[in-house]
Amino acid sequence: MDWKLLSTTKFKEIYYRLIFRQCYLCQSSSKHTFCHHCQKGLNPNLICCQQCKRPSNQTQLICGQCQRNKPSYQVCVAPYLFNGTMRTLIHQIKFNHGGHFIRPLTERMCQHLVSEYQSRLWPQQLLFVPSHPKRIRQRGFCQTQLMAKQLHKQLQPILGKATPNLPKTNPIIKMIHSQAQHTLPRKARLTAPNKSYQIQGQIAEHVALFDDVMTTGSTIEACCKQLLKAGAKRIDVWVIARTPDKPH
């Protein structure tokens, strides 16, 4: 764990939010976490497949890919498109030590989850898609772990005892250090994660699987298959943003 990063993150939160009342992203004057201009760049994922939440220009309920190969998960919550301000925020977190952006992002995710689960049972366990240890050493942190912890913290005062349990040690292990997904062509992204993940720990029957961004869905699907083998009966996928496939 990069403690220097965490302390810097806390300082920036106080700096922008309490002292100078500035927008987290562009530092313009703002009473809110993000100014009006940056808020407009957070594009909601409204027209999408109702199964995998893949963005689409069509209004069909289920996309062709899900009709041909039904995903291993039952529910997918993906409130934003991975473009505009959202793309900038997540890239800042992953590549530029922008840890102070995690809390405002997970706050929005928390709000969407509470709305989505008004008539659903909450999962018993919250897990996250992990990075390989080598990648964690390179960055000094695992962004999905930090996001999942913050999201869990924000859900607790709302859900109380119904809050999904976040294990101290994530039972999903990435065994193979592969090239970063965002650098791979679509065909390679679809096949790369197939044997990358293993489960080492106890799995609840109803699991929430968190990731920051879903593109092809291959990483999520690889993790879900392993979770089902380990005893999960139902998997809900929680991702902050969904990106459409590039034209090919």
C-alpha atoms as a PDB file:
ATOM      1  CA  MET A   1       0.000   0.000   0.000  1.00  0.00           C
ATOM      2  CA  ASP A   2       1.322   3.445  -0.974  1.00  0.00           C
ATOM      3  CA  TRP A   3       0.779   5.450   2.257  1.00  0.00           C
ATOM      4  CA  LYS A   4       2.293   8.570   0.677  1.00  0.00           C
ATOM      5  CA  LEU A   5      -0.386   8.409  -2.017  1.00  0.00           C
ATOM      6  CA  LEU A   6      -3.152   8.035   0.573  1.00  0.00           C
ATOM      7  CA  SER A   7      -1.956  10.984   2.656  1.00  0.00           C
ATOM      8  CA  THR A   8      -1.646  13.131  -0.476  1.00  0.00           C
ATOM      9  CA  THR A   9      -5.164  12.097  -1.485  1.00  0.00           C
ATOM     10  CA  LYS A  10      -6.611  13.220   1.861  1.00  0.00           C
ATOM     11  CA  PHE A  11      -4.778  16.540   1.692  1.00  0.00           C
ATOM     12  CA  LYS A  12      -6.149  17.245  -1.791  1.00  0.00           C
ATOM     13  CA  GLU A  13      -9.705  16.428  -0.662  1.00  0.00           C
ATOM     14  CA  ILE A  14      -9.454  18.984   2.145  1.00  0.00           C
ATOM     15  CA  TYR A  15      -7.675  21.493  -0.103  1.00  0.00           C
ATOM     16  CA  TYR A  16     -10.262  21.506  -2.885  1.00  0.00           C
ATOM     17  CA  ARG A  17     -13.437  20.897  -0.911  1.00  0.00           C
ATOM     18  CA  LEU A  18     -13.105  22.785   2.363  1.00  0.00           C
ATOM     19  CA  ILE A  19     -10.488  25.492   2.023  1.00  0.00           C
ATOM     20  CA  PHE A  20     -10.764  26.883  -1.499  1.00  0.00           C
ATOM     21  CA  ARG A  21     -14.155  25.415  -2.531  1.00  0.00           C
ATOM     22  CA  GLN A  22     -12.854  24.513  -5.951  1.00  0.00           C
ATOM     23  CA  CYS A  23     -13.907  21.971  -8.545  1.00  0.00           C
ATOM     24  CA  TYR A  24     -11.910  18.768  -8.022  1.00  0.00           C
ATOM     25  CA  LEU A  25     -11.112  18.536 -11.720  1.00  0.00           C
ATOM     26  CA  CYS A  26     -10.535  22.004 -13.199  1.00  0.00           C
ATOM     27  CA  GLN A  27     -10.016  23.986  -9.932  1.00  0.00           C
ATOM     28  CA  SER A  28     -12.556  26.637 -10.942  1.00  0.00           C
ATOM     29  CA  SER A  29     -14.686  28.158  -8.171  1.00  0.00           C
ATOM     30  CA  SER A  30     -17.452  25.751  -7.169  1.00  0.00           C
ATOM     31  CA  LYS A  31     -19.575  24.993  -4.106  1.00  0.00           C
ATOM     32  CA  HIS A  32     -19.841  21.388  -5.283  1.00  0.00           C
ATOM     33  CA  THR A  33     -17.360  18.589  -5.900  1.00  0.00           C
ATOM     34  CA  PHE A  34     -17.459  19.278  -9.644  1.00  0.00           C
ATOM     35  CA  CYS A  35     -18.346  22.564 -11.331  1.00  0.00           C
ATOM     36  CA  HIS A  36     -21.304  22.776 -13.714  1.00  0.00           C
ATOM     37  CA  HIS A  37     -19.077  22.425 -16.791  1.00  0.00           C
ATOM     38  CA  CYS A  38     -17.357  19.265 -15.520  1.00  0.00           C
ATOM     39  CA  GLN A  39     -20.682  17.838 -14.316  1.00  0.00           C
ATOM     40  CA  LYS A  40     -22.001  18.121 -17.875  1.00  0.00           C
ATOM     41  CA  GLY A  41     -19.114  15.929 -19.023  1.00  0.00           C
ATOM     42  CA  LEU A  42     -20.359  13.011 -16.882  1.00  0.00           C
ATOM     43  CA  ASN A  43     -22.482  11.338 -19.541  1.00  0.00           C
ATOM     44  CA  PRO A  44     -25.129   8.865 -18.320  1.00  0.00           C
ATOM     45  CA  ASN A  45     -25.374   5.435 -19.924  1.00  0.00           C
ATOM     46  CA  LEU A  46     -29.030   5.657 -20.913  1.00  0.00           C
ATOM     47  CA  ILE A  47     -29.463   3.777 -24.209  1.00  0.00           C
ATOM     48  CA  CYS A  48     -27.933   0.369 -23.650  1.00  0.00           C
ATOM     49  CA  CYS A  49     -28.450  -3.383 -23.501  1.00  0.00           C
ATOM     50  CA  GLN A  50     -30.520  -4.221 -20.433  1.00  0.00           C
ATOM     51  CA  GLN A  51     -28.351  -7.255 -19.684  1.00  0.00           C
ATOM     52  CA  CYS A  52     -24.712  -6.128 -20.081  1.00  0.00           C
ATOM     53  CA  LYS A  53     -25.334  -2.335 -20.249  1.00  0.00           C
ATOM     54  CA  ARG A  54     -23.301  -2.087 -23.452  1.00  0.00           C
ATOM     55  CA  PRO A  55     -24.029   1.363 -24.946  1.00  0.00           C
ATOM     56  CA  SER A  56     -26.019   1.233 -28.166  1.00  0.00           C
ATOM     57  CA  ASN A  57     -27.685   3.503 -30.694  1.00  0.00           C
ATOM     58  CA  GLN A  58     -30.609   1.083 -30.835  1.00  0.00           C
ATOM     59  CA  THR A  59     -33.413   0.619 -28.363  1.00  0.00           C
ATOM     60  CA  GLN A  60     -33.556  -3.195 -28.283  1.00  0.00           C
ATOM     61  CA  LEU A  61     -33.781  -4.643 -24.776  1.00  0.00           C
ATOM     62  CA  ILE A  62     -31.013  -7.237 -25.172  1.00  0.00           C
ATOM     63  CA  CYS A  63     -28.014  -6.837 -27.497  1.00  0.00           C
ATOM     64  CA  GLY A  64     -27.078  -9.496 -30.054  1.00  0.00           C
ATOM     65  CA  GLN A  65     -23.993 -10.531 -28.112  1.00  0.00           C
ATOM     66  CA  CYS A  66     -26.028 -11.288 -24.962  1.00  0.00           C
ATOM     67  CA  GLN A  67     -28.649 -13.137 -27.019  1.00  0.00           C
ATOM     68  CA  ARG A  68     -25.935 -15.377 -28.500  1.00  0.00           C
ATOM     69  CA  ASN A  69     -23.928 -15.834 -25.297  1.00  0.00           C
ATOM     70  CA  LYS A  70     -25.817 -15.068 -22.105  1.00  0.00           C
ATOM     71  CA  PRO A  71     -23.485 -13.528 -19.480  1.00  0.00           C
ATOM     72  CA  SER A  72     -22.717 -15.421 -16.276  1.00  0.00           C
ATOM     73  CA  TYR A  73     -24.042 -12.540 -14.156  1.00  0.00           C
ATOM     74  CA  GLN A  74     -27.679 -11.631 -13.519  1.00  0.00           C
ATOM     75  CA  VAL A  75     -27.501  -7.852 -13.047  1.00  0.00           C
ATOM     76  CA  CYS A  76     -25.185  -5.148 -14.360  1.00  0.00           C
ATOM     77  CA  VAL A  77     -25.164  -1.608 -12.981  1.00  0.00           C
ATOM     78  CA  ALA A  78     -23.147   0.772 -15.179  1.00  0.00           C
ATOM     79  CA  PRO A  79     -24.451   4.325 -14.782  1.00  0.00           C
ATOM     80  CA  TYR A  80     -21.931   6.266 -16.906  1.00  0.00           C
ATOM     81  CA  LEU A  81     -20.284   6.241 -20.313  1.00  0.00           C
ATOM     82  CA  PHE A  82     -16.506   5.986 -20.370  1.00  0.00           C
ATOM     83  CA  ASN A  83     -15.868   9.268 -22.171  1.00  0.00           C
ATOM     84  CA  GLY A  84     -15.629  12.983 -21.428  1.00  0.00           C
ATOM     85  CA  THR A  85     -15.094  13.892 -17.780  1.00  0.00           C
ATOM     86  CA  MET A  86     -15.459  10.265 -16.648  1.00  0.00           C
ATOM     87  CA  ARG A  87     -12.599   9.110 -18.850  1.00  0.00           C
ATOM     88  CA  THR A  88     -10.416  11.942 -17.541  1.00  0.00           C
ATOM     89  CA  LEU A  89     -11.230  11.141 -13.903  1.00  0.00           C
ATOM     90  CA  ILE A  90     -10.499   7.424 -14.151  1.00  0.00           C
ATOM     91  CA  HIS A  91      -7.284   8.025 -16.084  1.00  0.00           C
ATOM     92  CA  GLN A  92      -6.197  10.526 -13.432  1.00  0.00           C
ATOM     93  CA  ILE A  93      -6.812   7.927 -10.715  1.00  0.00           C
ATOM     94  CA  LYS A  94      -4.994   5.119 -12.531  1.00  0.00           C
ATOM     95  CA  PHE A  95      -2.083   6.925 -14.135  1.00  0.00           C
ATOM     96  CA  ASN A  96      -1.572  10.297 -12.402  1.00  0.00           C
ATOM     97  CA  HIS A  97      -2.059   9.569  -8.669  1.00  0.00           C
ATOM     98  CA  GLY A  98      -5.503  11.171  -8.721  1.00  0.00           C
ATOM     99  CA  GLY A  99      -6.723   9.272  -5.668  1.00  0.00           C
ATOM    100  CA  HIS A 100      -8.711  12.293  -4.477  1.00  0.00           C
ATOM    101  CA  PHE A 101     -11.156  11.632  -7.343  1.00  0.00           C
ATOM    102  CA  ILE A 102     -12.175   8.244  -5.915  1.00  0.00           C
ATOM    103  CA  ARG A 103     -14.599   9.491  -3.256  1.00  0.00           C
ATOM    104  CA  PRO A 104     -16.705  11.744  -5.541  1.00  0.00           C
ATOM    105  CA  LEU A 105     -16.935   8.949  -8.120  1.00  0.00           C
ATOM    106  CA  THR A 106     -18.002   6.300  -5.611  1.00  0.00           C
ATOM    107  CA  GLU A 107     -20.498   8.739  -4.076  1.00  0.00           C
ATOM    108  CA  ARG A 108     -22.261   8.868  -7.424  1.00  0.00           C
ATOM    109  CA  MET A 109     -22.021   5.107  -7.798  1.00  0.00           C
ATOM    110  CA  CYS A 110     -23.530   4.695  -4.339  1.00  0.00           C
ATOM    111  CA  GLN A 111     -26.493   6.894  -5.276  1.00  0.00           C
ATOM    112  CA  HIS A 112     -27.148   4.850  -8.416  1.00  0.00           C
ATOM    113  CA  LEU A 113     -26.926   1.563  -6.524  1.00  0.00           C
ATOM    114  CA  VAL A 114     -29.431   2.679  -3.888  1.00  0.00           C
ATOM    115  CA  SER A 115     -31.828   3.608  -6.686  1.00  0.00           C
ATOM    116  CA  GLU A 116     -31.256   0.340  -8.587  1.00  0.00           C
ATOM    117  CA  TYR A 117     -31.786  -1.869  -5.527  1.00  0.00           C
ATOM    118  CA  GLN A 118     -35.025  -0.367  -4.255  1.00  0.00           C
ATOM    119  CA  SER A 119     -36.845  -3.563  -5.267  1.00  0.00           C
ATOM    120  CA  ARG A 120     -33.901  -5.997  -5.262  1.00  0.00           C
ATOM    121  CA  LEU A 121     -32.044  -7.949  -2.623  1.00  0.00           C
ATOM    122  CA  TRP A 122     -28.601  -6.573  -1.913  1.00  0.00           C
ATOM    123  CA  PRO A 123     -25.635  -8.930  -2.462  1.00  0.00           C
ATOM    124  CA  GLN A 124     -24.095 -10.588   0.576  1.00  0.00           C
ATOM    125  CA  GLN A 125     -20.497  -9.961  -0.466  1.00  0.00           C
ATOM    126  CA  LEU A 126     -18.613  -7.208  -2.308  1.00  0.00           C
ATOM    127  CA  LEU A 127     -15.560  -8.282  -4.317  1.00  0.00           C
ATOM    128  CA  PHE A 128     -13.477  -6.425  -6.894  1.00  0.00           C
ATOM    129  CA  VAL A 129     -11.586  -7.266 -10.069  1.00  0.00           C
ATOM    130  CA  PRO A 130      -7.952  -7.249  -8.899  1.00  0.00           C
ATOM    131  CA  SER A 131      -4.748  -6.131 -10.565  1.00  0.00           C
ATOM    132  CA  HIS A 132      -1.743  -8.422 -10.810  1.00  0.00           C
ATOM    133  CA  PRO A 133       0.799  -7.903  -7.961  1.00  0.00           C
ATOM    134  CA  LYS A 134       3.364  -6.661 -10.484  1.00  0.00           C
ATOM    135  CA  ARG A 135       0.941  -3.988 -11.715  1.00  0.00           C
ATOM    136  CA  ILE A 136       0.231  -2.976  -8.115  1.00  0.00           C
ATOM    137  CA  ARG A 137       3.963  -2.587  -7.452  1.00  0.00           C
ATOM    138  CA  GLN A 138       4.281  -0.411 -10.555  1.00  0.00           C
ATOM    139  CA  ARG A 139       1.419   1.920  -9.577  1.00  0.00           C
ATOM    140  CA  GLY A 140       1.738   1.631  -5.819  1.00  0.00           C
ATOM    141  CA  PHE A 141      -1.948   0.763  -5.431  1.00  0.00           C
ATOM    142  CA  CYS A 142      -4.890  -1.158  -6.909  1.00  0.00           C
ATOM    143  CA  GLN A 143      -7.534   1.384  -7.917  1.00  0.00           C
ATOM    144  CA  THR A 144     -10.428  -1.102  -7.834  1.00  0.00           C
ATOM    145  CA  GLN A 145      -9.523  -2.072  -4.267  1.00  0.00           C
ATOM    146  CA  LEU A 146      -9.497   1.569  -3.135  1.00  0.00           C
ATOM    147  CA  MET A 147     -12.787   2.237  -4.936  1.00  0.00           C
ATOM    148  CA  ALA A 148     -14.476  -0.852  -3.478  1.00  0.00           C
ATOM    149  CA  LYS A 149     -13.376   0.118   0.041  1.00  0.00           C
ATOM    150  CA  GLN A 150     -14.698   3.651  -0.371  1.00  0.00           C
ATOM    151  CA  LEU A 151     -17.968   2.416  -1.869  1.00  0.00           C
ATOM    152  CA  HIS A 152     -18.411  -0.035   1.011  1.00  0.00           C
ATOM    153  CA  LYS A 153     -17.799   2.783   3.496  1.00  0.00           C
ATOM    154  CA  GLN A 154     -20.448   4.953   1.812  1.00  0.00           C
ATOM    155  CA  LEU A 155     -23.033   2.162   1.696  1.00  0.00           C
ATOM    156  CA  GLN A 156     -22.713   1.291   5.399  1.00  0.00           C
ATOM    157  CA  PRO A 157     -24.654   4.243   6.902  1.00  0.00           C
ATOM    158  CA  ILE A 158     -27.422   3.709   4.323  1.00  0.00           C
ATOM    159  CA  LEU A 159     -27.788  -0.083   4.470  1.00  0.00           C
ATOM    160  CA  GLY A 160     -26.575  -0.910   7.960  1.00  0.00           C
ATOM    161  CA  LYS A 161     -26.523  -4.683   8.458  1.00  0.00           C
ATOM    162  CA  ALA A 162     -27.609  -5.205   4.839  1.00  0.00           C
ATOM    163  CA  THR A 163     -24.293  -3.796   3.567  1.00  0.00           C
ATOM    164  CA  PRO A 164     -22.449  -6.415   1.481  1.00  0.00           C
ATOM    165  CA  ASN A 165     -19.457  -7.830   3.341  1.00  0.00           C
ATOM    166  CA  LEU A 166     -16.081  -6.672   2.001  1.00  0.00           C
ATOM    167  CA  PRO A 167     -13.483  -9.348   2.875  1.00  0.00           C
ATOM    168  CA  LYS A 168     -10.160  -8.180   4.304  1.00  0.00           C
ATOM    169  CA  THR A 169      -8.448 -10.215   1.593  1.00  0.00           C
ATOM    170  CA  ASN A 170     -10.043 -10.264  -1.841  1.00  0.00           C
ATOM    171  CA  PRO A 171     -10.531 -13.941  -2.801  1.00  0.00           C
ATOM    172  CA  ILE A 172     -10.173 -13.192  -6.526  1.00  0.00           C
ATOM    173  CA  ILE A 173      -6.509 -13.491  -7.494  1.00  0.00           C
ATOM    174  CA  LYS A 174      -4.992 -12.440 -10.811  1.00  0.00           C
ATOM    175  CA  MET A 175      -2.443 -15.133 -11.598  1.00  0.00           C
ATOM    176  CA  ILE A 176      -1.143 -14.025 -15.000  1.00  0.00           C
ATOM    177  CA  HIS A 177       0.477 -10.637 -15.567  1.00  0.00           C
ATOM    178  CA  SER A 178      -0.875  -9.589 -18.946  1.00  0.00           C
ATOM    179  CA  GLN A 179      -0.555  -6.462 -21.029  1.00  0.00           C
ATOM    180  CA  ALA A 180      -2.838  -3.644 -19.884  1.00  0.00           C
ATOM    181  CA  GLN A 181      -6.308  -4.151 -21.374  1.00  0.00           C
ATOM    182  CA  HIS A 182      -6.623  -0.614 -22.724  1.00  0.00           C
ATOM    183  CA  THR A 183      -3.530  -1.167 -24.917  1.00  0.00           C
ATOM    184  CA  LEU A 184      -4.879  -4.333 -26.589  1.00  0.00           C
ATOM    185  CA  PRO A 185      -7.000  -4.624 -29.753  1.00  0.00           C
ATOM    186  CA  ARG A 186     -10.544  -5.891 -29.268  1.00  0.00           C
ATOM    187  CA  LYS A 187      -9.835  -9.492 -30.326  1.00  0.00           C
ATOM    188  CA  ALA A 188      -6.958  -9.761 -27.852  1.00  0.00           C
ATOM    189  CA  ARG A 189      -9.048  -8.232 -25.041  1.00  0.00           C
ATOM    190  CA  LEU A 190     -11.715 -10.872 -25.577  1.00  0.00           C
ATOM    191  CA  THR A 191      -9.314 -13.792 -25.095  1.00  0.00           C
ATOM    192  CA  ALA A 192      -6.626 -12.409 -22.748  1.00  0.00           C
ATOM    193  CA  PRO A 193      -8.377 -12.889 -19.351  1.00  0.00           C
ATOM    194  CA  ASN A 194      -9.656 -16.448 -19.926  1.00  0.00           C
ATOM    195  CA  LYS A 195      -7.154 -18.157 -17.582  1.00  0.00           C
ATOM    196  CA  SER A 196      -5.945 -15.133 -15.644  1.00  0.00           C
ATOM    197  CA  TYR A 197      -8.041 -15.428 -12.461  1.00  0.00           C
ATOM    198  CA  GLN A 198      -8.411 -17.913  -9.616  1.00  0.00           C
ATOM    199  CA  ILE A 199     -10.441 -17.961  -6.403  1.00  0.00           C
ATOM    200  CA  GLN A 200      -8.676 -18.428  -3.079  1.00  0.00           C
ATOM    201  CA  GLY A 201     -11.192 -17.868  -0.310  1.00  0.00           C
ATOM    202  CA  GLN A 202     -14.810 -18.193   0.739  1.00  0.00           C
ATOM    203  CA  ILE A 203     -17.480 -16.986  -1.672  1.00  0.00           C
ATOM    204  CA  ALA A 204     -21.041 -16.020  -0.712  1.00  0.00           C
ATOM    205  CA  GLU A 205     -24.050 -17.241  -2.681  1.00  0.00           C
ATOM    206  CA  HIS A 206     -24.943 -13.702  -3.826  1.00  0.00           C
ATOM    207  CA  VAL A 207     -21.915 -11.642  -4.863  1.00  0.00           C
ATOM    208  CA  ALA A 208     -21.380  -8.106  -6.162  1.00  0.00           C
ATOM    209  CA  LEU A 209     -18.347  -7.865  -8.466  1.00  0.00           C
ATOM    210  CA  PHE A 210     -16.942  -4.331  -8.787  1.00  0.00           C
ATOM    211  CA  ASP A 211     -14.752  -2.879 -11.536  1.00  0.00           C
ATOM    212  CA  ASP A 212     -14.096   0.683 -12.612  1.00  0.00           C
ATOM    213  CA  VAL A 213     -14.686   0.266 -16.366  1.00  0.00           C
ATOM    214  CA  MET A 214     -16.116  -2.484 -18.565  1.00  0.00           C
ATOM    215  CA  THR A 215     -15.239  -2.577 -22.263  1.00  0.00           C
ATOM    216  CA  THR A 216     -15.738  -5.978 -23.913  1.00  0.00           C
ATOM    217  CA  GLY A 217     -16.818  -7.636 -20.677  1.00  0.00           C
ATOM    218  CA  SER A 218     -14.267 -10.439 -21.058  1.00  0.00           C
ATOM    219  CA  THR A 219     -12.500  -9.707 -17.755  1.00  0.00           C
ATOM    220  CA  ILE A 220     -15.795  -9.581 -15.869  1.00  0.00           C
ATOM    221  CA  GLU A 221     -16.949 -12.811 -17.512  1.00  0.00           C
ATOM    222  CA  ALA A 222     -13.691 -14.596 -16.645  1.00  0.00           C
ATOM    223  CA  CYS A 223     -14.058 -13.611 -12.978  1.00  0.00           C
ATOM    224  CA  CYS A 224     -17.744 -14.549 -12.910  1.00  0.00           C
ATOM    225  CA  LYS A 225     -17.073 -18.043 -14.231  1.00  0.00           C
ATOM    226  CA  GLN A 226     -14.503 -18.622 -11.500  1.00  0.00           C
ATOM    227  CA  LEU A 227     -16.888 -17.287  -8.848  1.00  0.00           C
ATOM    228  CA  LEU A 228     -19.629 -19.654  -9.993  1.00  0.00           C
ATOM    229  CA  LYS A 229     -17.215 -22.580  -9.821  1.00  0.00           C
ATOM    230  CA  ALA A 230     -16.327 -21.504  -6.270  1.00  0.00           C
ATOM    231  CA  GLY A 231     -19.935 -21.593  -5.084  1.00  0.00           C
ATOM    232  CA  ALA A 232     -21.622 -18.315  -6.064  1.00  0.00           C
ATOM    233  CA  LYS A 233     -25.260 -18.717  -7.133  1.00  0.00           C
ATOM    234  CA  ARG A 234     -25.887 -15.154  -8.281  1.00  0.00           C
ATOM    235  CA  ILE A 235     -23.520 -12.390  -9.392  1.00  0.00           C
ATOM    236  CA  ASP A 236     -24.339  -8.692  -9.763  1.00  0.00           C
ATOM    237  CA  VAL A 237     -21.780  -6.631 -11.673  1.00  0.00           C
ATOM    238  CA  TRP A 238     -21.130  -3.069 -10.529  1.00  0.00           C
ATOM    239  CA  VAL A 239     -19.050  -0.858 -12.824  1.00  0.00           C
ATOM    240  CA  ILE A 240     -18.808   2.910 -12.783  1.00  0.00           C
ATOM    241  CA  ALA A 241     -18.542   3.295 -16.552  1.00  0.00           C
ATOM    242  CA  ARG A 242     -19.193   1.283 -19.697  1.00  0.00           C
ATOM    243  CA  THR A 243     -17.433   1.917 -22.982  1.00  0.00           C
ATOM    244  CA  PRO A 244     -18.787   0.887 -26.389  1.00  0.00           C
ATOM    245  CA  ASP A 245     -16.643  -1.291 -28.624  1.00  0.00           C
ATOM    246  CA  LYS A 246     -14.687   0.623 -31.227  1.00  0.00           C
ATOM    247  CA  PRO A 247     -15.860   0.172 -34.819  1.00  0.00           C
ATOM    248  CA  HIS A 248     -14.100  -2.745 -36.465  1.00  0.00           C
END
